[in-house]
PDB file of N, CA and C in Angstrom:
ATOM      1  N   MET A   1       0.855  -1.164   0.005  1.00  0.00           N
ATOM      2  CA  MET A   1      -0.018  -0.013   0.022  1.00  0.00           C
ATOM      3  C   MET A   1       0.841   1.240   0.042  1.00  0.00           C
ATOM      4  N   HIS A   2       0.551   2.213  -0.841  1.00  0.00           N
ATOM      5  CA  HIS A   2       1.336   3.499  -0.915  1.00  0.00           C
ATOM      6  C   HIS A   2       1.072   4.385   0.219  1.00  0.00           C
ATOM      7  N   PRO A   3       1.981   5.036   0.822  1.00  0.00           N
ATOM      8  CA  PRO A   3       1.735   5.956   1.897  1.00  0.00           C
ATOM      9  C   PRO A   3       0.737   7.011   1.457  1.00  0.00           C
ATOM     10  N   GLU A   4       0.740   7.510   0.242  1.00  0.00           N
ATOM     11  CA  GLU A   4      -0.227   8.516  -0.112  1.00  0.00           C
ATOM     12  C   GLU A   4      -1.616   8.053  -0.039  1.00  0.00           C
ATOM     13  N   SER A   5      -1.925   6.756  -0.537  1.00  0.00           N
ATOM     14  CA  SER A   5      -3.230   6.295  -0.489  1.00  0.00           C
ATOM     15  C   SER A   5      -3.680   6.057   1.016  1.00  0.00           C
ATOM     16  N   THR A   6      -2.775   5.683   1.811  1.00  0.00           N
ATOM     17  CA  THR A   6      -3.175   5.530   3.278  1.00  0.00           C
ATOM     18  C   THR A   6      -3.497   6.968   3.838  1.00  0.00           C
ATOM     19  N   VAL A   7      -2.712   7.971   3.551  1.00  0.00           N
ATOM     20  CA  VAL A   7      -3.006   9.298   4.079  1.00  0.00           C
ATOM     21  C   VAL A   7      -4.370   9.740   3.444  1.00  0.00           C
ATOM     22  N   GLU A   8      -4.580   9.437   2.164  1.00  0.00           N
ATOM     23  CA  GLU A   8      -5.883   9.900   1.484  1.00  0.00           C
ATOM     24  C   GLU A   8      -7.097   9.186   2.155  1.00  0.00           C
ATOM     25  N   GLN A   9      -6.988   7.915   2.515  1.00  0.00           N
ATOM     26  CA  GLN A   9      -7.894   7.122   3.162  1.00  0.00           C
ATOM     27  C   GLN A   9      -8.227   7.684   4.568  1.00  0.00           C
ATOM     28  N   ILE A  10      -7.111   8.043   5.281  1.00  0.00           N
ATOM     29  CA  ILE A  10      -7.371   8.651   6.622  1.00  0.00           C
ATOM     30  C   ILE A  10      -8.055   9.957   6.491  1.00  0.00           C
ATOM     31  N   ALA A  11      -7.625  10.752   5.571  1.00  0.00           N
ATOM     32  CA  ALA A  11      -8.159  12.092   5.315  1.00  0.00           C
ATOM     33  C   ALA A  11      -9.745  11.980   5.013  1.00  0.00           C
ATOM     34  N   GLU A  12     -10.115  11.040   4.195  1.00  0.00           N
ATOM     35  CA  GLU A  12     -11.517  10.836   3.741  1.00  0.00           C
ATOM     36  C   GLU A  12     -12.302  10.411   5.033  1.00  0.00           C
ATOM     37  N   ARG A  13     -11.675   9.482   5.863  1.00  0.00           N
ATOM     38  CA  ARG A  13     -12.407   9.079   7.008  1.00  0.00           C
ATOM     39  C   ARG A  13     -12.528  10.197   7.968  1.00  0.00           C
ATOM     40  N   VAL A  14     -11.558  10.961   8.189  1.00  0.00           N
ATOM     41  CA  VAL A  14     -11.670  12.109   9.094  1.00  0.00           C
ATOM     42  C   VAL A  14     -12.741  13.071   8.663  1.00  0.00           C
ATOM     43  N   GLU A  15     -12.801  13.346   7.321  1.00  0.00           N
ATOM     44  CA  GLU A  15     -13.834  14.164   6.742  1.00  0.00           C
ATOM     45  C   GLU A  15     -15.249  13.538   6.994  1.00  0.00           C
ATOM     46  N   ARG A  16     -15.457  12.286   6.767  1.00  0.00           N
ATOM     47  CA  ARG A  16     -16.716  11.642   7.052  1.00  0.00           C
ATOM     48  C   ARG A  16     -17.079  11.791   8.595  1.00  0.00           C
ATOM     49  N   LEU A  17     -16.139  11.588   9.420  1.00  0.00           N
ATOM     50  CA  LEU A  17     -16.314  11.715  10.819  1.00  0.00           C
ATOM     51  C   LEU A  17     -16.719  13.138  11.234  1.00  0.00           C
ATOM     52  N   LEU A  18     -16.077  14.031  10.575  1.00  0.00           N
ATOM     53  CA  LEU A  18     -16.400  15.527  10.884  1.00  0.00           C
ATOM     54  C   LEU A  18     -17.846  15.804  10.509  1.00  0.00           C
ATOM     55  N   VAL A  19     -18.288  15.332   9.314  1.00  0.00           N
ATOM     56  CA  VAL A  19     -19.710  15.518   8.769  1.00  0.00           C
ATOM     57  C   VAL A  19     -20.618  14.857   9.760  1.00  0.00           C
ATOM     58  N   ARG A  20     -20.356  13.652  10.144  1.00  0.00           N
ATOM     59  CA  ARG A  20     -21.235  12.925  11.038  1.00  0.00           C
ATOM     60  C   ARG A  20     -21.322  13.682  12.385  1.00  0.00           C
ATOM     61  N   TYR A  21     -20.159  14.212  12.833  1.00  0.00           N
ATOM     62  CA  TYR A  21     -20.173  14.905  14.104  1.00  0.00           C
ATOM     63  C   TYR A  21     -21.020  16.189  14.049  1.00  0.00           C
ATOM     64  N   GLU A  22     -21.013  16.913  12.909  1.00  0.00           N
ATOM     65  CA  GLU A  22     -21.865  18.107  12.710  1.00  0.00           C
ATOM     66  C   GLU A  22     -23.314  17.707  12.727  1.00  0.00           C
ATOM     67  N   GLU A  23     -23.635  16.551  12.044  1.00  0.00           N
ATOM     68  CA  GLU A  23     -24.974  16.127  11.976  1.00  0.00           C
ATOM     69  C   GLU A  23     -25.504  15.785  13.352  1.00  0.00           C
ATOM     70  N   LEU A  24     -24.679  15.039  14.227  1.00  0.00           N
ATOM     71  CA  LEU A  24     -25.090  14.787  15.566  1.00  0.00           C
ATOM     72  C   LEU A  24     -25.234  15.995  16.454  1.00  0.00           C
ATOM     73  N   GLN A  25     -24.377  17.045  16.204  1.00  0.00           N
ATOM     74  CA  GLN A  25     -24.541  18.236  16.944  1.00  0.00           C
ATOM     75  C   GLN A  25     -25.827  18.901  16.646  1.00  0.00           C
ATOM     76  N   ARG A  26     -26.252  19.001  15.338  1.00  0.00           N
ATOM     77  CA  ARG A  26     -27.580  19.494  14.938  1.00  0.00           C
ATOM     78  C   ARG A  26     -28.734  18.732  15.531  1.00  0.00           C
ATOM     79  N   THR A  27     -28.597  17.365  15.531  1.00  0.00           N
ATOM     80  CA  THR A  27     -29.643  16.557  16.076  1.00  0.00           C
ATOM     81  C   THR A  27     -29.737  16.779  17.531  1.00  0.00           C
ATOM     82  N   ASN A  28     -28.606  16.848  18.217  1.00  0.00           N
ATOM     83  CA  ASN A  28     -28.667  17.080  19.694  1.00  0.00           C
ATOM     84  C   ASN A  28     -29.256  18.450  20.010  1.00  0.00           C
ATOM     85  N   THR A  29     -29.051  19.465  19.163  1.00  0.00           N
ATOM     86  CA  THR A  29     -29.577  20.755  19.392  1.00  0.00           C
ATOM     87  C   THR A  29     -31.098  20.669  19.289  1.00  0.00           C
ATOM     88  N   LEU A  30     -31.530  19.996  18.262  1.00  0.00           N
ATOM     89  CA  LEU A  30     -33.044  19.844  18.014  1.00  0.00           C
ATOM     90  C   LEU A  30     -33.696  19.049  19.164  1.00  0.00           C
ATOM     91  N   LEU A  31     -33.075  17.975  19.594  1.00  0.00           N
ATOM     92  CA  LEU A  31     -33.604  17.188  20.604  1.00  0.00           C
ATOM     93  C   LEU A  31     -33.587  17.939  21.957  1.00  0.00           C
ATOM     94  N   SER A  32     -32.630  18.729  22.229  1.00  0.00           N
ATOM     95  CA  SER A  32     -32.625  19.541  23.466  1.00  0.00           C
ATOM     96  C   SER A  32     -33.768  20.589  23.415  1.00  0.00           C
ATOM     97  N   GLY A  33     -34.114  21.135  22.298  1.00  0.00           N
ATOM     98  CA  GLY A  33     -35.173  21.981  22.100  1.00  0.00           C
ATOM     99  C   GLY A  33     -36.481  21.295  22.429  1.00  0.00           C
ATOM    100  N   GLN A  34     -36.612  20.131  21.899  1.00  0.00           N
ATOM    101  CA  GLN A  34     -37.891  19.305  22.096  1.00  0.00           C
ATOM    102  C   GLN A  34     -38.009  18.921  23.576  1.00  0.00           C
ATOM    103  N   VAL A  35     -36.922  18.615  24.177  1.00  0.00           N
ATOM    104  CA  VAL A  35     -36.970  18.307  25.642  1.00  0.00           C
ATOM    105  C   VAL A  35     -37.478  19.488  26.461  1.00  0.00           C
ATOM    106  N   LEU A  36     -36.948  20.701  26.102  1.00  0.00           N
ATOM    107  CA  LEU A  36     -37.330  21.917  26.793  1.00  0.00           C
ATOM    108  C   LEU A  36     -38.796  22.249  26.534  1.00  0.00           C
ATOM    109  N   THR A  37     -39.231  22.102  25.377  1.00  0.00           N
ATOM    110  CA  THR A  37     -40.622  22.278  25.053  1.00  0.00           C
ATOM    111  C   THR A  37     -41.574  21.329  25.817  1.00  0.00           C
ATOM    112  N   LEU A  38     -41.242  20.055  25.764  1.00  0.00           N
ATOM    113  CA  LEU A  38     -42.029  19.091  26.425  1.00  0.00           C
ATOM    114  C   LEU A  38     -42.021  19.281  28.019  1.00  0.00           C
ATOM    115  N   THR A  39     -40.852  19.687  28.546  1.00  0.00           N
ATOM    116  CA  THR A  39     -40.852  19.925  29.936  1.00  0.00           C
ATOM    117  C   THR A  39     -41.686  21.080  30.245  1.00  0.00           C
ATOM    118  N   GLN A  40     -41.727  22.165  29.508  1.00  0.00           N
ATOM    119  CA  GLN A  40     -42.669  23.244  29.738  1.00  0.00           C
ATOM    120  C   GLN A  40     -43.996  22.844  29.640  1.00  0.00           C
ATOM    121  N   GLU A  41     -44.379  22.086  28.612  1.00  0.00           N
ATOM    122  CA  GLU A  41     -45.790  21.561  28.458  1.00  0.00           C
ATOM    123  C   GLU A  41     -46.213  20.756  29.651  1.00  0.00           C
ATOM    124  N   ARG A  42     -45.227  19.841  30.147  1.00  0.00           N
ATOM    125  CA  ARG A  42     -45.581  18.952  31.306  1.00  0.00           C
ATOM    126  C   ARG A  42     -45.879  19.876  32.495  1.00  0.00           C
ATOM    127  N   ASP A  43     -44.986  20.856  32.726  1.00  0.00           N
ATOM    128  CA  ASP A  43     -45.173  21.654  33.875  1.00  0.00           C
ATOM    129  C   ASP A  43     -46.535  22.486  33.872  1.00  0.00           C
ATOM    130  N   SER A  44     -46.897  22.914  32.669  1.00  0.00           N
ATOM    131  CA  SER A  44     -48.123  23.656  32.398  1.00  0.00           C
ATOM    132  C   SER A  44     -49.317  22.687  32.701  1.00  0.00           C
ATOM    133  N   LEU A  45     -49.271  21.436  32.225  1.00  0.00           N
ATOM    134  CA  LEU A  45     -50.343  20.481  32.494  1.00  0.00           C
ATOM    135  C   LEU A  45     -50.393  20.126  33.979  1.00  0.00           C
ATOM    136  N   ARG A  46     -49.261  19.998  34.615  1.00  0.00           N
ATOM    137  CA  ARG A  46     -49.336  19.737  36.100  1.00  0.00           C
ATOM    138  C   ARG A  46     -49.946  20.838  36.833  1.00  0.00           C
ATOM    139  N   SER A  47     -49.682  22.082  36.389  1.00  0.00           N
ATOM    140  CA  SER A  47     -50.317  23.313  37.041  1.00  0.00           C
ATOM    141  C   SER A  47     -51.816  23.304  36.837  1.00  0.00           C
ATOM    142  N   ARG A  48     -52.223  23.039  35.493  1.00  0.00           N
ATOM    143  CA  ARG A  48     -53.626  23.042  35.273  1.00  0.00           C
ATOM    144  C   ARG A  48     -54.347  21.831  35.977  1.00  0.00           C
ATOM    145  N   LEU A  49     -53.676  20.773  36.179  1.00  0.00           N
ATOM    146  CA  LEU A  49     -54.257  19.562  36.890  1.00  0.00           C
ATOM    147  C   LEU A  49     -54.413  20.007  38.420  1.00  0.00           C
ATOM    148  N   ALA A  50     -53.454  20.685  38.951  1.00  0.00           N
ATOM    149  CA  ALA A  50     -53.523  21.120  40.324  1.00  0.00           C
ATOM    150  C   ALA A  50     -54.721  22.106  40.543  1.00  0.00           C
ATOM    151  N   ALA A  51     -54.874  22.940  39.549  1.00  0.00           N
ATOM    152  CA  ALA A  51     -55.958  23.978  39.722  1.00  0.00           C
ATOM    153  C   ALA A  51     -57.240  23.281  39.557  1.00  0.00           C
ATOM    154  N   ALA A  52     -57.427  22.345  38.614  1.00  0.00           N
ATOM    155  CA  ALA A  52     -58.617  21.633  38.444  1.00  0.00           C
ATOM    156  C   ALA A  52     -59.003  20.804  39.671  1.00  0.00           C
ATOM    157  N   ARG A  53     -57.931  20.111  40.220  1.00  0.00           N
ATOM    158  CA  ARG A  53     -58.174  19.337  41.484  1.00  0.00           C
ATOM    159  C   ARG A  53     -58.637  20.253  42.618  1.00  0.00           C
ATOM    160  N   GLY A  54     -58.092  21.446  42.629  1.00  0.00           N
ATOM    161  CA  GLY A  54     -58.506  22.430  43.719  1.00  0.00           C
ATOM    162  C   GLY A  54     -59.957  22.799  43.508  1.00  0.00           C
ATOM    163  N   ARG A  55     -60.409  23.101  42.299  1.00  0.00           N
ATOM    164  CA  ARG A  55     -61.722  23.413  42.044  1.00  0.00           C
ATOM    165  C   ARG A  55     -62.709  22.348  42.331  1.00  0.00           C
ATOM    166  N   ILE A  56     -62.283  21.065  42.001  1.00  0.00           N
ATOM    167  CA  ILE A  56     -63.136  19.936  42.299  1.00  0.00           C
ATOM    168  C   ILE A  56     -63.251  19.718  43.839  1.00  0.00           C
ATOM    169  N   GLU A  57     -62.164  19.948  44.569  1.00  0.00           N
ATOM    170  CA  GLU A  57     -62.240  19.745  46.071  1.00  0.00           C
ATOM    171  C   GLU A  57     -63.070  20.853  46.624  1.00  0.00           C
ATOM    172  N   ALA A  58     -63.082  22.040  46.086  1.00  0.00           N
ATOM    173  CA  ALA A  58     -63.928  23.110  46.531  1.00  0.00           C
ATOM    174  C   ALA A  58     -65.367  22.800  46.340  1.00  0.00           C
ATOM    175  N   LEU A  59     -65.647  22.223  45.185  1.00  0.00           N
ATOM    176  CA  LEU A  59     -67.072  21.822  44.829  1.00  0.00           C
ATOM    177  C   LEU A  59     -67.512  20.741  45.827  1.00  0.00           C
ATOM    178  N   LEU A  60     -66.660  19.794  46.023  1.00  0.00           N
ATOM    179  CA  LEU A  60     -66.990  18.678  46.886  1.00  0.00           C
ATOM    180  C   LEU A  60     -67.264  19.150  48.326  1.00  0.00           C
ATOM    181  N   ASP A  61     -66.523  20.189  48.875  1.00  0.00           N
ATOM    182  CA  ASP A  61     -66.742  20.738  50.113  1.00  0.00           C
ATOM    183  C   ASP A  61     -68.111  21.433  50.209  1.00  0.00           C
ATOM    184  N   ARG A  62     -68.617  21.895  49.091  1.00  0.00           N
ATOM    185  CA  ARG A  62     -69.892  22.594  49.130  1.00  0.00           C
ATOM    186  C   ARG A  62     -71.085  21.662  49.085  1.00  0.00           C
ATOM    187  N   LEU A  63     -70.829  20.332  48.740  1.00  0.00           N
ATOM    188  CA  LEU A  63     -71.930  19.368  48.763  1.00  0.00           C
ATOM    189  C   LEU A  63     -72.439  19.213  50.146  1.00  0.00           C
ATOM    190  N   PRO A  64     -73.744  18.864  50.220  1.00  0.00           N
ATOM    191  CA  PRO A  64     -74.372  18.628  51.592  1.00  0.00           C
ATOM    192  C   PRO A  64     -73.698  17.338  52.144  1.00  0.00           C
ATOM    193  N   ALA A  65     -73.859  17.222  53.460  1.00  0.00           N
ATOM    194  CA  ALA A  65     -73.298  16.066  54.151  1.00  0.00           C
ATOM    195  C   ALA A  65     -73.944  14.778  53.640  1.00  0.00           C
ATOM    196  N   ALA A  66     -73.302  13.689  53.717  1.00  0.00           N
ATOM    197  CA  ALA A  66     -73.971  12.440  53.196  1.00  0.00           C
ATOM    198  C   ALA A  66     -75.132  12.104  54.045  1.00  0.00           C
ATOM    199  N   ALA A  67     -76.198  11.502  53.327  1.00  0.00           N
ATOM    200  CA  ALA A  67     -77.419  11.158  53.922  1.00  0.00           C
ATOM    201  C   ALA A  67     -77.207   9.937  54.862  1.00  0.00           C
ATOM    202  N   PRO A  68     -77.964   9.715  55.912  1.00  0.00           N
ATOM    203  CA  PRO A  68     -77.861   8.514  56.746  1.00  0.00           C
ATOM    204  C   PRO A  68     -78.147   7.282  55.889  1.00  0.00           C
ATOM    205  N   ALA A  69     -77.657   6.162  56.288  1.00  0.00           N
ATOM    206  CA  ALA A  69     -77.679   4.915  55.533  1.00  0.00           C
ATOM    207  C   ALA A  69     -79.076   4.609  55.155  1.00  0.00           C
ATOM    208  N   ASN A  70     -80.072   4.664  55.971  1.00  0.00           N
ATOM    209  CA  ASN A  70     -81.405   4.309  55.622  1.00  0.00           C
ATOM    210  C   ASN A  70     -82.014   5.265  54.565  1.00  0.00           C
ATOM    211  N   GLU A  71     -81.686   6.539  54.527  1.00  0.00           N
ATOM    212  CA  GLU A  71     -82.187   7.394  53.531  1.00  0.00           C
ATOM    213  C   GLU A  71     -81.548   7.105  52.218  1.00  0.00           C
ATOM    214  N   ALA A  72     -80.227   6.795  52.224  1.00  0.00           N
ATOM    215  CA  ALA A  72     -79.412   6.510  51.023  1.00  0.00           C
ATOM    216  C   ALA A  72     -79.948   5.259  50.420  1.00  0.00           C
ATOM    217  N   ALA A  73     -80.352   4.314  51.278  1.00  0.00           N
ATOM    218  CA  ALA A  73     -80.946   2.964  50.724  1.00  0.00           C
ATOM    219  C   ALA A  73     -82.289   3.285  50.120  1.00  0.00           C
ATOM    220  N   ALA A  74     -83.087   4.176  50.663  1.00  0.00           N
ATOM    221  CA  ALA A  74     -84.424   4.464  50.052  1.00  0.00           C
ATOM    222  C   ALA A  74     -84.230   5.198  48.721  1.00  0.00           C
ATOM    223  N   LEU A  75     -83.232   6.040  48.665  1.00  0.00           N
ATOM    224  CA  LEU A  75     -83.025   6.707  47.329  1.00  0.00           C
ATOM    225  C   LEU A  75     -82.584   5.761  46.257  1.00  0.00           C
ATOM    226  N   ASP A  76     -81.887   4.677  46.637  1.00  0.00           N
ATOM    227  CA  ASP A  76     -81.451   3.652  45.660  1.00  0.00           C
ATOM    228  C   ASP A  76     -82.535   2.652  45.314  1.00  0.00           C
ATOM    229  N   ALA A  77     -83.659   2.665  46.041  1.00  0.00           N
ATOM    230  CA  ALA A  77     -84.631   1.623  45.808  1.00  0.00           C
ATOM    231  C   ALA A  77     -85.257   1.717  44.466  1.00  0.00           C
ATOM    232  N   PRO A  78     -85.661   0.565  43.855  1.00  0.00           N
ATOM    233  CA  PRO A  78     -86.281   0.601  42.521  1.00  0.00           C
ATOM    234  C   PRO A  78     -87.627   1.388  42.651  1.00  0.00           C
ATOM    235  N   GLY A  79     -87.905   2.129  41.519  1.00  0.00           N
ATOM    236  CA  GLY A  79     -89.130   2.857  41.532  1.00  0.00           C
ATOM    237  C   GLY A  79     -89.034   4.243  42.095  1.00  0.00           C
ATOM    238  N   HIS A  80     -87.936   4.513  42.740  1.00  0.00           N
ATOM    239  CA  HIS A  80     -87.809   5.855  43.300  1.00  0.00           C
ATOM    240  C   HIS A  80     -87.403   6.831  42.263  1.00  0.00           C
ATOM    241  N   THR A  81     -88.053   8.002  42.128  1.00  0.00           N
ATOM    242  CA  THR A  81     -87.742   8.975  41.216  1.00  0.00           C
ATOM    243  C   THR A  81     -87.338  10.249  41.967  1.00  0.00           C
ATOM    244  N   PRO A  82     -86.298  10.794  41.491  1.00  0.00           N
ATOM    245  CA  PRO A  82     -85.729  12.050  42.221  1.00  0.00           C
ATOM    246  C   PRO A  82     -86.610  13.265  42.035  1.00  0.00           C
TER     247      PRO A  82
END
């Protein structure tokens, strides 16, 4: 094998590695952006869930106390209309 062809092969391989490295850097940048976007979306959804949970708990607190067992059974009886 000639020394020139070996140097040329190494140079070509280094060029291919540099191209691949640049591609991976771009991909990493895009993926980092996606992670940031999804993290913000997750945090927003968590906040909305907590707010909704708070509203539901407030509504539940406003409900009248549970009926005694015999009244609840009467309400569940067949033929009972509210």
